[in-house]
C-alpha atoms as a PDB file:
ATOM      1  CA  UNK A   1       0.000   0.000   0.000  1.00  0.00           C
ATOM      2  CA  UNK A   2       2.261   2.712  -1.228  1.00  0.00           C
ATOM      3  CA  UNK A   3       1.653   6.438  -0.992  1.00  0.00           C
ATOM      4  CA  UNK A   4       1.414   8.538  -4.170  1.00  0.00           C
ATOM      5  CA  UNK A   5       1.870  12.296  -3.897  1.00  0.00           C
ATOM      6  CA  UNK A   6       0.700  14.830  -6.471  1.00  0.00           C
ATOM      7  CA  UNK A   7       3.772  16.905  -5.666  1.00  0.00           C
ATOM      8  CA  UNK A   8       3.343  19.861  -8.030  1.00  0.00           C
ATOM      9  CA  UNK A   9       1.361  21.862  -5.456  1.00  0.00           C
ATOM     10  CA  UNK A  10       2.224  19.942  -2.297  1.00  0.00           C
ATOM     11  CA  UNK A  11       3.435  22.330   0.441  1.00  0.00           C
ATOM     12  CA  UNK A  12       7.008  21.743   1.639  1.00  0.00           C
ATOM     13  CA  UNK A  13       5.941  21.042   5.260  1.00  0.00           C
ATOM     14  CA  UNK A  14       3.662  18.261   3.994  1.00  0.00           C
ATOM     15  CA  UNK A  15       6.473  16.776   1.891  1.00  0.00           C
ATOM     16  CA  UNK A  16       8.640  16.768   5.031  1.00  0.00           C
ATOM     17  CA  UNK A  17       5.932  14.998   7.076  1.00  0.00           C
ATOM     18  CA  UNK A  18       5.485  12.416   4.322  1.00  0.00           C
ATOM     19  CA  UNK A  19       9.229  11.773   4.055  1.00  0.00           C
ATOM     20  CA  UNK A  20       9.599  11.252   7.804  1.00  0.00           C
ATOM     21  CA  UNK A  21       6.603   8.902   7.817  1.00  0.00           C
ATOM     22  CA  UNK A  22       7.893   6.938   4.804  1.00  0.00           C
ATOM     23  CA  UNK A  23      11.178   6.256   6.546  1.00  0.00           C
ATOM     24  CA  UNK A  24       9.695   5.588   9.988  1.00  0.00           C
ATOM     25  CA  UNK A  25       6.950   3.253   8.709  1.00  0.00           C
ATOM     26  CA  UNK A  26       9.096   1.867   5.856  1.00  0.00           C
ATOM     27  CA  UNK A  27       6.390   2.556   3.308  1.00  0.00           C
ATOM     28  CA  UNK A  28       7.105   3.290  -0.346  1.00  0.00           C
ATOM     29  CA  UNK A  29       6.228   6.934  -1.030  1.00  0.00           C
ATOM     30  CA  UNK A  30       6.502   8.390  -4.531  1.00  0.00           C
ATOM     31  CA  UNK A  31       6.363  12.098  -5.297  1.00  0.00           C
ATOM     32  CA  UNK A  32       5.281  12.849  -8.854  1.00  0.00           C
ATOM     33  CA  UNK A  33       5.786  16.337 -10.274  1.00  0.00           C
ATOM     34  CA  UNK A  34       6.508  18.107 -13.534  1.00  0.00           C
ATOM     35  CA  UNK A  35       9.443  19.958 -11.963  1.00  0.00           C
ATOM     36  CA  UNK A  36      12.434  18.985  -9.822  1.00  0.00           C
ATOM     37  CA  UNK A  37      11.731  18.686  -6.110  1.00  0.00           C
ATOM     38  CA  UNK A  38      14.159  18.218  -3.257  1.00  0.00           C
ATOM     39  CA  UNK A  39      13.691  15.103  -1.140  1.00  0.00           C
ATOM     40  CA  UNK A  40      15.910  13.436   1.480  1.00  0.00           C
ATOM     41  CA  UNK A  41      17.693  10.211   0.587  1.00  0.00           C
ATOM     42  CA  UNK A  42      15.792   7.101   1.677  1.00  0.00           C
ATOM     43  CA  UNK A  43      15.136   3.687   0.184  1.00  0.00           C
ATOM     44  CA  UNK A  44      11.428   4.359   0.816  1.00  0.00           C
ATOM     45  CA  UNK A  45      11.212   7.722  -0.973  1.00  0.00           C
ATOM     46  CA  UNK A  46      11.119   8.107  -4.746  1.00  0.00           C
ATOM     47  CA  UNK A  47      10.626  11.064  -7.016  1.00  0.00           C
ATOM     48  CA  UNK A  48       9.359  10.869 -10.532  1.00  0.00           C
ATOM     49  CA  UNK A  49       9.578  13.899 -12.782  1.00  0.00           C
ATOM     50  CA  UNK A  50       7.117  13.878 -15.658  1.00  0.00           C
ATOM     51  CA  UNK A  51       6.836  16.127 -18.687  1.00  0.00           C
ATOM     52  CA  UNK A  52       5.040  19.447 -18.402  1.00  0.00           C
ATOM     53  CA  UNK A  53       1.487  19.353 -19.624  1.00  0.00           C
ATOM     54  CA  UNK A  54      -2.126  19.192 -18.578  1.00  0.00           C
ATOM     55  CA  UNK A  55      -2.751  16.272 -16.185  1.00  0.00           C
ATOM     56  CA  UNK A  56       0.551  14.522 -16.978  1.00  0.00           C
ATOM     57  CA  UNK A  57       1.388  14.009 -13.280  1.00  0.00           C
ATOM     58  CA  UNK A  58      -2.238  13.021 -12.554  1.00  0.00           C
ATOM     59  CA  UNK A  59      -2.188  10.435 -15.334  1.00  0.00           C
ATOM     60  CA  UNK A  60       1.080   8.986 -14.022  1.00  0.00           C
ATOM     61  CA  UNK A  61      -0.418   8.591 -10.551  1.00  0.00           C
ATOM     62  CA  UNK A  62      -3.510   6.907 -11.982  1.00  0.00           C
ATOM     63  CA  UNK A  63      -1.377   4.552 -14.097  1.00  0.00           C
ATOM     64  CA  UNK A  64       0.729   3.483 -11.096  1.00  0.00           C
ATOM     65  CA  UNK A  65      -1.666   3.371  -8.133  1.00  0.00           C
ATOM     66  CA  UNK A  66      -3.801   0.404  -7.162  1.00  0.00           C
ATOM     67  CA  UNK A  67      -6.692  -0.308  -4.811  1.00  0.00           C
ATOM     68  CA  UNK A  68      -5.784   0.378  -1.184  1.00  0.00           C
ATOM     69  CA  UNK A  69      -3.003   2.864  -1.956  1.00  0.00           C
ATOM     70  CA  UNK A  70      -3.025   6.376  -0.502  1.00  0.00           C
ATOM     71  CA  UNK A  71      -3.081   9.397  -2.814  1.00  0.00           C
ATOM     72  CA  UNK A  72      -2.277  12.892  -1.539  1.00  0.00           C
ATOM     73  CA  UNK A  73      -3.647  15.615  -3.816  1.00  0.00           C
ATOM     74  CA  UNK A  74      -5.428  18.951  -3.904  1.00  0.00           C
ATOM     75  CA  UNK A  75      -6.777  18.073  -7.356  1.00  0.00           C
ATOM     76  CA  UNK A  76     -10.423  17.107  -6.873  1.00  0.00           C
ATOM     77  CA  UNK A  77     -10.888  15.414 -10.291  1.00  0.00           C
ATOM     78  CA  UNK A  78      -7.764  13.316  -9.600  1.00  0.00           C
ATOM     79  CA  UNK A  79      -9.160  12.479  -6.160  1.00  0.00           C
ATOM     80  CA  UNK A  80     -12.426  11.341  -7.756  1.00  0.00           C
ATOM     81  CA  UNK A  81     -10.603   9.057 -10.197  1.00  0.00           C
ATOM     82  CA  UNK A  82      -8.416   7.596  -7.455  1.00  0.00           C
ATOM     83  CA  UNK A  83     -11.438   6.907  -5.223  1.00  0.00           C
ATOM     84  CA  UNK A  84     -13.169   5.202  -8.135  1.00  0.00           C
ATOM     85  CA  UNK A  85     -10.098   2.983  -8.498  1.00  0.00           C
ATOM     86  CA  UNK A  86     -10.183   2.100  -4.777  1.00  0.00           C
ATOM     87  CA  UNK A  87      -7.595   4.431  -3.259  1.00  0.00           C
ATOM     88  CA  UNK A  88      -7.812   6.353  -0.034  1.00  0.00           C
ATOM     89  CA  UNK A  89      -7.369  10.066  -0.741  1.00  0.00           C
ATOM     90  CA  UNK A  90      -6.820  13.179   1.273  1.00  0.00           C
ATOM     91  CA  UNK A  91      -5.499  16.629   0.598  1.00  0.00           C
ATOM     92  CA  UNK A  92      -2.474  18.397   2.135  1.00  0.00           C
ATOM     93  CA  UNK A  93      -4.774  19.974   4.735  1.00  0.00           C
ATOM     94  CA  UNK A  94      -5.766  16.502   5.969  1.00  0.00           C
ATOM     95  CA  UNK A  95      -9.299  16.589   4.569  1.00  0.00           C
ATOM     96  CA  UNK A  96     -10.381  13.177   3.339  1.00  0.00           C
ATOM     97  CA  UNK A  97     -12.023  12.719  -0.033  1.00  0.00           C
ATOM     98  CA  UNK A  98     -14.438   9.800   0.204  1.00  0.00           C
ATOM     99  CA  UNK A  99     -17.067   8.111  -1.955  1.00  0.00           C
ATOM    100  CA  UNK A 100     -19.626   9.912   0.234  1.00  0.00           C
ATOM    101  CA  UNK A 101     -18.283  13.454  -0.286  1.00  0.00           C
ATOM    102  CA  UNK A 102     -16.457  13.488  -3.624  1.00  0.00           C
ATOM    103  CA  UNK A 103     -19.492  14.366  -5.763  1.00  0.00           C
ATOM    104  CA  UNK A 104     -20.264  17.360  -3.572  1.00  0.00           C
ATOM    105  CA  UNK A 105     -16.596  18.423  -3.708  1.00  0.00           C
ATOM    106  CA  UNK A 106     -16.597  18.144  -7.513  1.00  0.00           C
ATOM    107  CA  UNK A 107     -19.825  20.133  -7.785  1.00  0.00           C
ATOM    108  CA  UNK A 108     -18.446  22.877  -5.517  1.00  0.00           C
ATOM    109  CA  UNK A 109     -15.174  22.949  -7.447  1.00  0.00           C
ATOM    110  CA  UNK A 110     -17.058  23.339 -10.738  1.00  0.00           C
ATOM    111  CA  UNK A 111     -19.328  26.026  -9.280  1.00  0.00           C
ATOM    112  CA  UNK A 112     -16.356  28.010  -7.934  1.00  0.00           C
ATOM    113  CA  UNK A 113     -14.579  27.696 -11.290  1.00  0.00           C
ATOM    114  CA  UNK A 114     -17.652  29.178 -13.009  1.00  0.00           C
ATOM    115  CA  UNK A 115     -17.756  31.987 -10.461  1.00  0.00           C
ATOM    116  CA  UNK A 116     -14.051  32.746 -10.993  1.00  0.00           C
ATOM    117  CA  UNK A 117     -14.505  32.731 -14.766  1.00  0.00           C
ATOM    118  CA  UNK A 118     -17.380  35.194 -14.375  1.00  0.00           C
ATOM    119  CA  UNK A 119     -15.221  37.442 -12.179  1.00  0.00           C
ATOM    120  CA  UNK A 120     -17.435  36.907  -9.134  1.00  0.00           C
ATOM    121  CA  UNK A 121     -14.758  35.254  -6.994  1.00  0.00           C
ATOM    122  CA  UNK A 122     -11.204  36.512  -7.043  1.00  0.00           C
ATOM    123  CA  UNK A 123      -9.735  34.997  -3.858  1.00  0.00           C
ATOM    124  CA  UNK A 124      -8.298  31.584  -3.303  1.00  0.00           C
ATOM    125  CA  UNK A 125      -8.101  29.228  -0.369  1.00  0.00           C
ATOM    126  CA  UNK A 126      -6.953  30.407   3.045  1.00  0.00           C
ATOM    127  CA  UNK A 127      -3.179  30.391   3.592  1.00  0.00           C
ATOM    128  CA  UNK A 128      -1.690  27.075   4.704  1.00  0.00           C
ATOM    129  CA  UNK A 129      -1.556  27.120   8.520  1.00  0.00           C
ATOM    130  CA  UNK A 130       0.037  25.292  11.426  1.00  0.00           C
ATOM    131  CA  UNK A 131      -3.407  23.795  12.108  1.00  0.00           C
ATOM    132  CA  UNK A 132      -3.519  22.434   8.538  1.00  0.00           C
ATOM    133  CA  UNK A 133      -0.114  20.843   9.061  1.00  0.00           C
ATOM    134  CA  UNK A 134      -1.260  19.196  12.302  1.00  0.00           C
ATOM    135  CA  UNK A 135      -4.526  17.974  10.764  1.00  0.00           C
ATOM    136  CA  UNK A 136      -2.576  16.395   7.878  1.00  0.00           C
ATOM    137  CA  UNK A 137      -0.068  14.731  10.209  1.00  0.00           C
ATOM    138  CA  UNK A 138      -2.892  13.358  12.366  1.00  0.00           C
ATOM    139  CA  UNK A 139      -4.821  12.065   9.333  1.00  0.00           C
ATOM    140  CA  UNK A 140      -1.681  10.411   7.908  1.00  0.00           C
ATOM    141  CA  UNK A 141      -0.876   8.818  11.264  1.00  0.00           C
ATOM    142  CA  UNK A 142      -4.400   7.386  11.542  1.00  0.00           C
ATOM    143  CA  UNK A 143      -4.192   6.024   7.990  1.00  0.00           C
ATOM    144  CA  UNK A 144      -0.783   4.446   8.613  1.00  0.00           C
ATOM    145  CA  UNK A 145      -1.941   2.829  11.856  1.00  0.00           C
ATOM    146  CA  UNK A 146      -4.994   1.373  10.089  1.00  0.00           C
ATOM    147  CA  UNK A 147      -3.195   0.188   6.969  1.00  0.00           C
ATOM    148  CA  UNK A 148       0.456  -0.535   7.745  1.00  0.00           C
ATOM    149  CA  UNK A 149      -0.413  -3.717   9.612  1.00  0.00           C
ATOM    150  CA  UNK A 150      -2.448  -5.197   6.737  1.00  0.00           C
END
């Protein structure tokens, strides 16, 4: 049950948490991005740089992941695909995407995109906080405790 990280927009503190967890739990963790990212040396941490382009990193994650894997992404359409394929998914703020909430998340994402395109919404998400970091670390720890023993 490896971990797959959509690393293009993954905050550095979350990468650090994931790297420490990969080494401590000895779980294969792969960061996929279309640019070079810095990661510590570990036999459990891999990086895969893909070509620039729309959804290239997402497609690589979908090609490699299998049922029961964990996917870390902020990309809601990627989360929906991964859930459909049987993955557990949460974002870098520790919010889980589930079969029960993914349709609502997709609908809200599409609505907000329409609002932005119409000039009605110009802001983005709240800045990444210490609370977000803690929520992610707690969510990852719970997932690892549930799944690492399987």
